[in-house]
N, C-alpha and C. Protein backbone atom coordinates (compact mmCIF):
# COMPACT_ATOMS: atom_id res chain seq x y z
N UNK A 1 172.77 -26.48 160.67
CA UNK A 1 172.78 -25.67 161.79
C UNK A 1 172.75 -26.67 163.07
N UNK A 2 172.00 -27.70 163.00
CA UNK A 2 171.93 -28.63 164.16
C UNK A 2 173.27 -29.23 164.39
N UNK A 3 174.01 -29.72 163.34
CA UNK A 3 175.23 -30.33 163.50
C UNK A 3 176.28 -29.33 164.03
N UNK A 4 176.22 -28.08 163.48
CA UNK A 4 177.19 -27.07 164.15
C UNK A 4 176.88 -26.79 165.56
N UNK A 5 175.60 -26.76 165.92
CA UNK A 5 175.26 -26.48 167.32
C UNK A 5 175.79 -27.71 168.21
N UNK A 6 175.68 -28.89 167.65
CA UNK A 6 176.14 -30.09 168.47
C UNK A 6 177.65 -30.13 168.56
N UNK A 7 178.28 -29.73 167.53
CA UNK A 7 179.78 -29.49 167.69
C UNK A 7 180.18 -28.51 168.68
N UNK A 8 179.56 -27.40 168.68
CA UNK A 8 179.71 -26.39 169.63
C UNK A 8 179.50 -26.92 171.03
N UNK A 9 178.42 -27.60 171.25
CA UNK A 9 178.21 -28.18 172.59
C UNK A 9 179.26 -29.27 173.01
N UNK A 10 179.67 -30.03 172.08
CA UNK A 10 180.74 -31.00 172.31
C UNK A 10 181.98 -30.30 172.86
N UNK A 11 182.40 -29.25 172.14
CA UNK A 11 183.67 -28.49 172.66
C UNK A 11 183.48 -27.83 174.02
N UNK A 12 182.22 -27.47 174.23
CA UNK A 12 182.01 -26.88 175.47
C UNK A 12 181.78 -27.84 176.50
N UNK A 13 181.72 -29.12 176.23
CA UNK A 13 181.51 -30.21 177.07
C UNK A 13 180.14 -30.18 177.76
N UNK A 14 179.03 -29.83 176.83
CA UNK A 14 177.65 -29.75 177.33
C UNK A 14 176.87 -30.98 176.83
N UNK A 15 176.02 -31.46 177.72
CA UNK A 15 175.21 -32.63 177.50
C UNK A 15 174.01 -31.96 176.61
N UNK A 16 173.73 -32.85 175.62
CA UNK A 16 172.65 -32.49 174.67
C UNK A 16 171.61 -33.71 174.66
N UNK A 17 170.36 -33.36 174.87
CA UNK A 17 169.30 -34.40 174.75
C UNK A 17 168.27 -33.87 173.80
N UNK A 18 167.95 -34.77 172.80
CA UNK A 18 166.76 -34.51 171.93
C UNK A 18 165.75 -35.51 172.18
N UNK A 19 164.57 -35.08 172.44
CA UNK A 19 163.35 -35.75 172.75
C UNK A 19 162.39 -35.77 171.58
N UNK A 20 162.00 -36.90 171.12
CA UNK A 20 161.05 -37.06 170.01
C UNK A 20 159.85 -37.90 170.38
N UNK A 21 158.74 -37.15 170.91
CA UNK A 21 157.72 -37.99 171.30
C UNK A 21 156.82 -38.42 170.20
N UNK A 22 156.10 -39.46 170.27
CA UNK A 22 155.10 -39.96 169.25
C UNK A 22 155.96 -40.28 167.95
N UNK A 23 157.14 -40.72 168.09
CA UNK A 23 158.14 -41.11 167.12
C UNK A 23 157.52 -42.14 166.07
N UNK A 24 156.56 -42.97 166.70
CA UNK A 24 155.94 -43.92 165.78
C UNK A 24 155.08 -43.34 164.76
N UNK A 25 154.70 -42.10 164.87
CA UNK A 25 153.89 -41.39 164.03
C UNK A 25 154.58 -40.31 163.14
N UNK A 26 155.96 -40.29 163.37
CA UNK A 26 156.85 -39.32 162.67
C UNK A 26 156.81 -39.63 161.15
N UNK A 27 156.85 -38.60 160.30
CA UNK A 27 157.11 -38.71 158.87
C UNK A 27 158.44 -39.42 158.65
N UNK A 28 158.51 -40.17 157.59
CA UNK A 28 159.70 -40.81 157.25
C UNK A 28 160.93 -40.06 157.13
N UNK A 29 160.79 -38.81 156.60
CA UNK A 29 161.93 -37.85 156.36
C UNK A 29 162.46 -37.39 157.74
N UNK A 30 161.57 -37.19 158.75
CA UNK A 30 161.94 -36.80 160.10
C UNK A 30 162.73 -37.91 160.68
N UNK A 31 162.42 -39.16 160.59
CA UNK A 31 163.08 -40.21 161.17
C UNK A 31 164.49 -40.37 160.32
N UNK A 32 164.46 -40.18 159.13
CA UNK A 32 165.75 -40.14 158.43
C UNK A 32 166.70 -39.22 158.95
N UNK A 33 166.25 -38.01 159.20
CA UNK A 33 167.03 -36.93 159.84
C UNK A 33 167.49 -37.29 161.19
N UNK A 34 166.66 -37.88 162.03
CA UNK A 34 167.04 -38.24 163.33
C UNK A 34 168.20 -39.37 163.23
N UNK A 35 167.93 -40.32 162.37
CA UNK A 35 169.03 -41.30 162.26
C UNK A 35 170.40 -40.66 161.79
N UNK A 36 170.29 -39.72 160.86
CA UNK A 36 171.53 -39.04 160.50
C UNK A 36 172.12 -38.31 161.52
N UNK A 37 171.31 -37.72 162.37
CA UNK A 37 171.82 -36.98 163.58
C UNK A 37 172.43 -38.06 164.57
N UNK A 38 171.80 -39.02 164.79
CA UNK A 38 172.41 -40.20 165.72
C UNK A 38 173.65 -40.69 165.36
N UNK A 39 173.80 -40.90 163.94
CA UNK A 39 174.92 -41.51 163.39
C UNK A 39 176.02 -40.48 163.15
N UNK A 40 175.80 -39.18 163.28
CA UNK A 40 176.75 -38.03 163.06
C UNK A 40 178.04 -38.29 163.84
N UNK A 41 178.11 -38.43 165.06
CA UNK A 41 179.14 -38.62 166.01
C UNK A 41 178.87 -39.68 166.92
N UNK A 42 179.39 -40.84 166.78
CA UNK A 42 179.11 -41.91 167.65
C UNK A 42 180.07 -42.00 168.82
N UNK A 43 181.03 -41.16 169.04
CA UNK A 43 181.96 -41.20 170.09
C UNK A 43 181.39 -40.89 171.35
N UNK A 44 181.82 -41.40 172.51
CA UNK A 44 181.29 -40.90 173.85
C UNK A 44 181.40 -39.51 174.07
N UNK A 45 182.36 -38.81 173.46
CA UNK A 45 182.68 -37.39 173.80
C UNK A 45 181.51 -36.66 173.10
N UNK A 46 180.62 -37.09 172.22
CA UNK A 46 179.65 -36.32 171.57
C UNK A 46 178.75 -35.74 172.52
N UNK A 47 178.48 -36.44 173.64
CA UNK A 47 177.57 -35.98 174.81
C UNK A 47 176.01 -35.85 174.11
N UNK A 48 175.70 -36.65 173.20
CA UNK A 48 174.46 -36.45 172.56
C UNK A 48 173.49 -37.62 173.08
N UNK A 49 172.40 -37.45 173.54
CA UNK A 49 171.39 -38.46 173.91
C UNK A 49 170.10 -38.10 173.01
N UNK A 50 169.65 -39.25 172.38
CA UNK A 50 168.37 -39.09 171.75
C UNK A 50 167.43 -39.91 172.22
N UNK A 51 166.24 -39.49 172.63
CA UNK A 51 165.23 -40.28 173.25
C UNK A 51 163.98 -40.24 172.28
N UNK A 52 163.56 -41.46 171.95
CA UNK A 52 162.33 -41.65 171.00
C UNK A 52 161.29 -42.34 171.92
N UNK A 53 160.14 -41.78 171.88
CA UNK A 53 158.99 -42.30 172.57
C UNK A 53 157.88 -42.61 171.60
N UNK A 54 157.18 -43.77 171.78
CA UNK A 54 156.17 -44.14 170.88
C UNK A 54 155.50 -45.43 171.41
N UNK A 55 154.42 -45.87 170.68
CA UNK A 55 153.81 -47.06 171.13
C UNK A 55 154.62 -48.31 170.69
N UNK A 56 154.74 -49.21 171.53
CA UNK A 56 155.69 -50.33 171.31
C UNK A 56 155.19 -51.14 170.02
N UNK A 57 153.89 -51.25 169.87
CA UNK A 57 153.60 -51.98 168.66
C UNK A 57 153.73 -51.25 167.35
N UNK A 58 154.04 -49.93 167.35
CA UNK A 58 154.39 -49.23 166.25
C UNK A 58 155.82 -48.82 166.06
N UNK A 59 156.67 -49.06 167.02
CA UNK A 59 158.02 -48.77 167.10
C UNK A 59 158.85 -49.45 165.92
N UNK A 60 158.32 -50.64 165.51
CA UNK A 60 158.97 -51.35 164.53
C UNK A 60 158.98 -50.80 163.19
N UNK A 61 158.17 -49.73 162.91
CA UNK A 61 158.19 -49.09 161.60
C UNK A 61 159.26 -48.04 161.52
N UNK A 62 160.02 -47.78 162.58
CA UNK A 62 161.12 -46.96 162.50
C UNK A 62 162.14 -47.55 161.63
N UNK A 63 162.94 -46.54 161.04
CA UNK A 63 164.16 -46.97 160.27
C UNK A 63 165.09 -47.98 160.92
N UNK A 64 165.39 -48.97 160.21
CA UNK A 64 166.29 -50.06 160.74
C UNK A 64 167.64 -49.53 161.17
N UNK A 65 168.14 -48.58 160.44
CA UNK A 65 169.46 -47.84 160.86
C UNK A 65 169.27 -47.30 162.20
N UNK A 66 168.17 -46.58 162.31
CA UNK A 66 167.99 -45.86 163.67
C UNK A 66 167.78 -46.89 164.84
N UNK A 67 167.09 -47.99 164.68
CA UNK A 67 166.89 -48.94 165.58
C UNK A 67 168.25 -49.70 166.04
N UNK A 68 169.03 -49.78 165.04
CA UNK A 68 170.42 -50.28 165.30
C UNK A 68 171.29 -49.44 166.02
N UNK A 69 171.10 -48.15 166.06
CA UNK A 69 171.86 -47.20 166.82
C UNK A 69 171.49 -47.18 168.33
N UNK A 70 170.33 -47.77 168.66
CA UNK A 70 169.77 -47.68 169.98
C UNK A 70 170.73 -48.63 170.96
N UNK A 71 170.95 -48.01 172.07
CA UNK A 71 171.70 -48.64 173.01
C UNK A 71 170.84 -49.15 174.11
N UNK A 72 169.69 -48.57 174.31
CA UNK A 72 168.70 -48.95 175.37
C UNK A 72 167.42 -48.87 175.01
N UNK A 73 166.65 -49.72 175.32
CA UNK A 73 165.14 -49.80 174.92
C UNK A 73 164.38 -50.06 176.20
N UNK A 74 163.50 -49.13 176.50
CA UNK A 74 162.60 -49.31 177.61
C UNK A 74 161.15 -49.35 177.19
N UNK A 75 160.45 -50.48 177.40
CA UNK A 75 159.02 -50.56 177.06
C UNK A 75 158.32 -50.17 178.44
N UNK A 76 157.41 -49.14 178.37
CA UNK A 76 156.53 -48.78 179.50
C UNK A 76 155.17 -49.46 179.18
N UNK A 77 154.85 -50.21 180.01
CA UNK A 77 153.50 -51.00 179.82
C UNK A 77 152.36 -49.97 180.37
N UNK A 78 151.22 -50.12 179.70
CA UNK A 78 150.09 -49.40 180.23
C UNK A 78 149.69 -49.73 181.64
N UNK A 79 149.19 -48.79 182.37
CA UNK A 79 148.74 -48.98 183.76
C UNK A 79 147.58 -49.75 183.92
N UNK A 80 147.37 -50.46 185.04
CA UNK A 80 146.01 -50.92 185.31
C UNK A 80 145.26 -49.95 186.08
N UNK A 81 144.00 -50.29 186.40
CA UNK A 81 143.16 -49.19 187.05
C UNK A 81 143.71 -48.78 188.44
N UNK A 82 144.30 -49.70 189.14
CA UNK A 82 144.78 -49.34 190.55
C UNK A 82 146.02 -48.47 190.33
N UNK A 83 146.76 -48.57 189.23
CA UNK A 83 147.95 -47.66 188.95
C UNK A 83 147.33 -46.21 188.68
N UNK A 84 146.32 -46.20 187.93
CA UNK A 84 145.76 -44.87 187.55
C UNK A 84 145.24 -44.22 188.86
N UNK A 85 144.53 -45.00 189.75
CA UNK A 85 143.96 -44.47 190.94
C UNK A 85 145.17 -43.92 191.87
N UNK A 86 146.18 -44.77 192.02
CA UNK A 86 147.31 -44.31 192.87
C UNK A 86 148.00 -43.04 192.41
N UNK A 87 148.10 -42.91 190.99
CA UNK A 87 148.67 -41.82 190.33
C UNK A 87 147.83 -40.64 190.74
N UNK A 88 146.52 -40.64 190.50
CA UNK A 88 145.71 -39.52 190.73
C UNK A 88 145.75 -39.01 192.19
N UNK A 89 145.75 -40.03 193.07
CA UNK A 89 145.88 -39.67 194.54
C UNK A 89 147.20 -38.97 194.95
N UNK A 90 148.22 -39.62 194.43
CA UNK A 90 149.54 -39.09 194.70
C UNK A 90 149.83 -37.66 194.10
N UNK A 91 149.36 -37.55 192.90
CA UNK A 91 149.70 -36.23 192.20
C UNK A 91 148.77 -35.12 192.86
N UNK A 92 147.71 -35.45 193.30
CA UNK A 92 146.85 -34.47 194.08
C UNK A 92 147.42 -34.16 195.38
N UNK A 93 147.95 -35.19 196.03
CA UNK A 93 148.49 -35.03 197.30
C UNK A 93 149.77 -34.06 197.19
N UNK A 94 150.60 -34.36 196.24
CA UNK A 94 151.83 -33.50 195.83
C UNK A 94 151.46 -32.05 195.58
N UNK A 95 150.22 -31.89 194.94
CA UNK A 95 149.79 -30.54 194.52
C UNK A 95 149.08 -29.84 195.87
N UNK A 96 149.05 -30.57 196.90
CA UNK A 96 148.35 -29.91 198.14
C UNK A 96 146.95 -30.25 198.40
N UNK A 97 146.40 -31.29 197.68
CA UNK A 97 145.05 -31.68 197.95
C UNK A 97 145.03 -33.15 198.30
N UNK A 98 145.59 -33.61 199.38
CA UNK A 98 145.53 -34.98 199.79
C UNK A 98 144.06 -35.47 200.17
N UNK A 99 143.80 -36.68 200.16
CA UNK A 99 142.59 -37.23 200.56
C UNK A 99 142.56 -37.14 202.16
N UNK A 100 141.47 -36.93 202.73
CA UNK A 100 141.32 -36.96 204.15
C UNK A 100 139.94 -37.42 204.58
N UNK A 101 139.85 -37.65 205.84
CA UNK A 101 138.57 -38.12 206.32
C UNK A 101 137.46 -36.98 206.24
N UNK A 102 137.84 -35.77 206.29
CA UNK A 102 136.91 -34.65 206.29
C UNK A 102 136.63 -34.04 204.89
N UNK A 103 137.38 -34.64 203.94
CA UNK A 103 137.32 -34.10 202.63
C UNK A 103 137.26 -35.25 201.69
N UNK A 104 136.10 -35.19 200.75
CA UNK A 104 136.11 -36.30 199.71
C UNK A 104 137.25 -36.16 198.71
N UNK A 105 137.55 -37.35 198.00
CA UNK A 105 138.61 -37.20 197.08
C UNK A 105 138.11 -36.34 195.95
N UNK A 106 139.13 -35.68 195.33
CA UNK A 106 138.70 -34.58 194.35
C UNK A 106 138.08 -35.32 192.92
N UNK A 107 138.67 -36.52 192.64
CA UNK A 107 138.01 -37.33 191.68
C UNK A 107 137.28 -38.46 192.28
N UNK A 108 136.02 -38.59 191.97
CA UNK A 108 135.26 -39.75 192.53
C UNK A 108 135.66 -40.98 191.79
N UNK A 109 135.26 -42.10 192.32
CA UNK A 109 135.84 -43.42 191.84
C UNK A 109 135.33 -43.73 190.23
N UNK A 110 134.14 -43.39 189.96
CA UNK A 110 133.71 -43.47 188.52
C UNK A 110 134.52 -42.57 187.59
N UNK A 111 134.96 -41.40 188.16
CA UNK A 111 135.86 -40.44 187.31
C UNK A 111 137.11 -41.10 187.01
N UNK A 112 137.64 -41.71 188.05
CA UNK A 112 139.05 -42.31 187.80
C UNK A 112 138.92 -43.46 186.96
N UNK A 113 137.87 -44.21 187.04
CA UNK A 113 137.58 -45.40 186.20
C UNK A 113 137.62 -44.95 184.70
N UNK A 114 136.76 -43.80 184.54
CA UNK A 114 136.51 -43.35 183.10
C UNK A 114 137.89 -42.71 182.65
N UNK A 115 138.49 -42.11 183.46
CA UNK A 115 139.93 -41.49 183.06
C UNK A 115 140.76 -42.61 182.68
N UNK A 116 140.77 -43.65 183.34
CA UNK A 116 141.63 -44.83 182.96
C UNK A 116 141.22 -45.42 181.65
N UNK A 117 139.89 -45.59 181.44
CA UNK A 117 139.36 -46.21 180.25
C UNK A 117 139.67 -45.39 178.90
N UNK A 118 139.30 -44.04 179.08
CA UNK A 118 139.57 -43.14 177.94
C UNK A 118 141.05 -43.03 177.59
N UNK A 119 141.98 -43.09 178.52
CA UNK A 119 143.40 -43.02 178.20
C UNK A 119 143.92 -44.22 177.95
N UNK A 120 143.16 -45.37 178.01
CA UNK A 120 143.69 -46.60 177.63
C UNK A 120 144.85 -47.05 178.54
N UNK A 121 144.96 -46.48 179.77
CA UNK A 121 146.00 -46.94 180.62
C UNK A 121 147.43 -46.26 180.36
N UNK A 122 147.42 -45.56 179.35
CA UNK A 122 148.79 -44.82 179.03
C UNK A 122 149.04 -43.72 179.92
N UNK A 123 150.10 -43.92 180.61
CA UNK A 123 150.49 -42.91 181.75
C UNK A 123 150.51 -41.40 181.27
N UNK A 124 151.17 -41.13 180.07
CA UNK A 124 151.05 -39.71 179.67
C UNK A 124 149.62 -39.22 179.27
N UNK A 125 148.81 -40.08 178.76
CA UNK A 125 147.50 -39.62 178.48
C UNK A 125 146.60 -39.49 179.64
N UNK A 126 146.87 -40.38 180.69
CA UNK A 126 146.15 -40.22 181.94
C UNK A 126 146.46 -38.88 182.53
N UNK A 127 147.68 -38.52 182.59
CA UNK A 127 148.11 -37.17 183.12
C UNK A 127 147.48 -36.10 182.41
N UNK A 128 147.46 -36.11 181.05
CA UNK A 128 146.85 -35.07 180.25
C UNK A 128 145.44 -34.99 180.43
N UNK A 129 144.79 -35.98 180.50
CA UNK A 129 143.30 -36.07 180.63
C UNK A 129 142.94 -35.60 182.04
N UNK A 130 143.62 -36.06 183.03
CA UNK A 130 143.40 -35.48 184.40
C UNK A 130 143.53 -34.05 184.57
N UNK A 131 144.56 -33.49 183.88
CA UNK A 131 144.74 -31.95 183.95
C UNK A 131 143.61 -31.34 183.29
N UNK A 132 143.14 -31.91 182.04
CA UNK A 132 142.08 -31.30 181.26
C UNK A 132 140.69 -31.35 182.22
N UNK A 133 140.53 -32.56 182.85
CA UNK A 133 139.40 -32.73 183.68
C UNK A 133 139.34 -31.67 184.81
N UNK A 134 140.61 -31.48 185.49
CA UNK A 134 140.67 -30.48 186.53
C UNK A 134 140.33 -29.04 185.97
N UNK A 135 140.71 -28.83 184.83
CA UNK A 135 140.46 -27.49 184.23
C UNK A 135 138.91 -27.34 183.97
N UNK A 136 138.39 -28.48 183.53
CA UNK A 136 136.94 -28.50 183.15
C UNK A 136 136.09 -28.29 184.32
N UNK A 137 136.55 -29.11 185.52
CA UNK A 137 135.90 -28.94 186.67
C UNK A 137 135.89 -27.56 187.36
N UNK A 138 137.10 -26.98 187.29
CA UNK A 138 137.21 -25.53 187.74
C UNK A 138 136.25 -24.58 186.97
N UNK A 139 136.25 -24.72 185.62
CA UNK A 139 135.26 -23.88 184.75
C UNK A 139 133.95 -24.12 185.11
N UNK A 140 133.48 -25.34 185.52
CA UNK A 140 132.06 -25.69 185.88
C UNK A 140 131.87 -25.41 187.37
N UNK A 141 132.79 -25.06 188.03
CA UNK A 141 132.76 -24.74 189.50
C UNK A 141 132.28 -25.91 190.24
N UNK A 142 132.62 -27.14 190.00
CA UNK A 142 132.23 -28.42 190.78
C UNK A 142 133.27 -28.61 191.95
N UNK A 143 132.67 -29.23 192.91
CA UNK A 143 133.53 -29.59 194.16
C UNK A 143 134.14 -30.93 193.99
N UNK A 144 133.65 -31.79 193.03
CA UNK A 144 134.36 -32.99 192.81
C UNK A 144 134.16 -33.47 191.32
N UNK A 145 135.33 -33.95 190.83
CA UNK A 145 135.39 -34.33 189.43
C UNK A 145 134.64 -35.72 189.20
N UNK A 146 133.67 -35.71 188.49
CA UNK A 146 132.84 -36.98 188.18
C UNK A 146 133.12 -37.58 186.81
N UNK A 147 132.67 -38.61 186.45
CA UNK A 147 132.83 -39.29 185.15
C UNK A 147 132.47 -38.41 184.10
N UNK A 148 131.23 -37.75 184.29
CA UNK A 148 130.73 -36.74 183.23
C UNK A 148 131.76 -35.57 182.97
N UNK A 149 132.52 -34.97 183.95
CA UNK A 149 133.41 -33.96 183.68
C UNK A 149 134.53 -34.65 183.07
N UNK A 150 135.02 -35.70 183.31
CA UNK A 150 136.16 -36.37 182.60
C UNK A 150 135.82 -36.64 181.11
N UNK A 151 134.60 -37.13 180.85
CA UNK A 151 134.13 -37.31 179.50
C UNK A 151 134.06 -36.01 178.80
N UNK A 152 133.53 -35.06 179.40
CA UNK A 152 133.30 -33.68 178.77
C UNK A 152 134.80 -33.16 178.37
N UNK A 153 135.68 -33.28 179.32
CA UNK A 153 137.17 -32.70 179.08
C UNK A 153 137.71 -33.60 177.83
N UNK A 154 137.41 -34.82 177.94
CA UNK A 154 137.99 -35.67 176.76
C UNK A 154 137.41 -35.13 175.42
N UNK A 155 136.10 -34.91 175.34
CA UNK A 155 135.54 -34.55 174.13
C UNK A 155 135.64 -33.03 173.71
N UNK A 156 135.61 -32.20 174.71
CA UNK A 156 135.39 -30.86 174.34
C UNK A 156 136.81 -29.96 174.47
N UNK A 157 137.63 -30.33 175.42
CA UNK A 157 138.78 -29.61 175.72
C UNK A 157 140.01 -29.88 174.83
N UNK A 158 140.16 -30.99 174.34
CA UNK A 158 141.31 -31.32 173.55
C UNK A 158 141.48 -32.83 173.35
N UNK A 159 140.64 -33.26 172.29
CA UNK A 159 140.72 -34.66 172.08
C UNK A 159 142.07 -35.21 172.01
N UNK A 160 142.28 -36.22 172.95
CA UNK A 160 143.55 -36.78 173.01
C UNK A 160 143.58 -38.09 172.27
N UNK A 161 144.58 -38.09 171.37
CA UNK A 161 144.69 -39.34 170.56
C UNK A 161 145.44 -40.41 171.35
N UNK A 162 144.86 -41.61 171.24
CA UNK A 162 145.54 -42.74 171.92
C UNK A 162 145.69 -43.84 170.91
């Protein structure tokens, strides 16, 4: 069915993107199917892009055939603490909650440090945990997210695997 759909999209000149997150933890059969899909039509007219995301140290376990089909590899490094702090500030500003002189930051400094520590600097995990902490803070009706709220969100609302 997938191959038929890809052929249909090719004839319609539609771009198709397949995203596989945590590819480093995928079952071998899944990776075999992805490799078959990637190798099905290698012509530029196929308009198929496959994006695999995973931890760099684990990506080596992917099928060699699949790795040989890769045209581009991008390694995203873990953020340092200042990157996490800037991300939280910028995200809140874009959401309509910028820091100002008359309003304290929504995440206090120890909360941002704990957020960074628990997420191991992994950008996607930082985003997930920050969202969970915001929900936990709203549920607790707190004015500012502290390290305890971040810790609570980490343990109670959705243990994030890192």
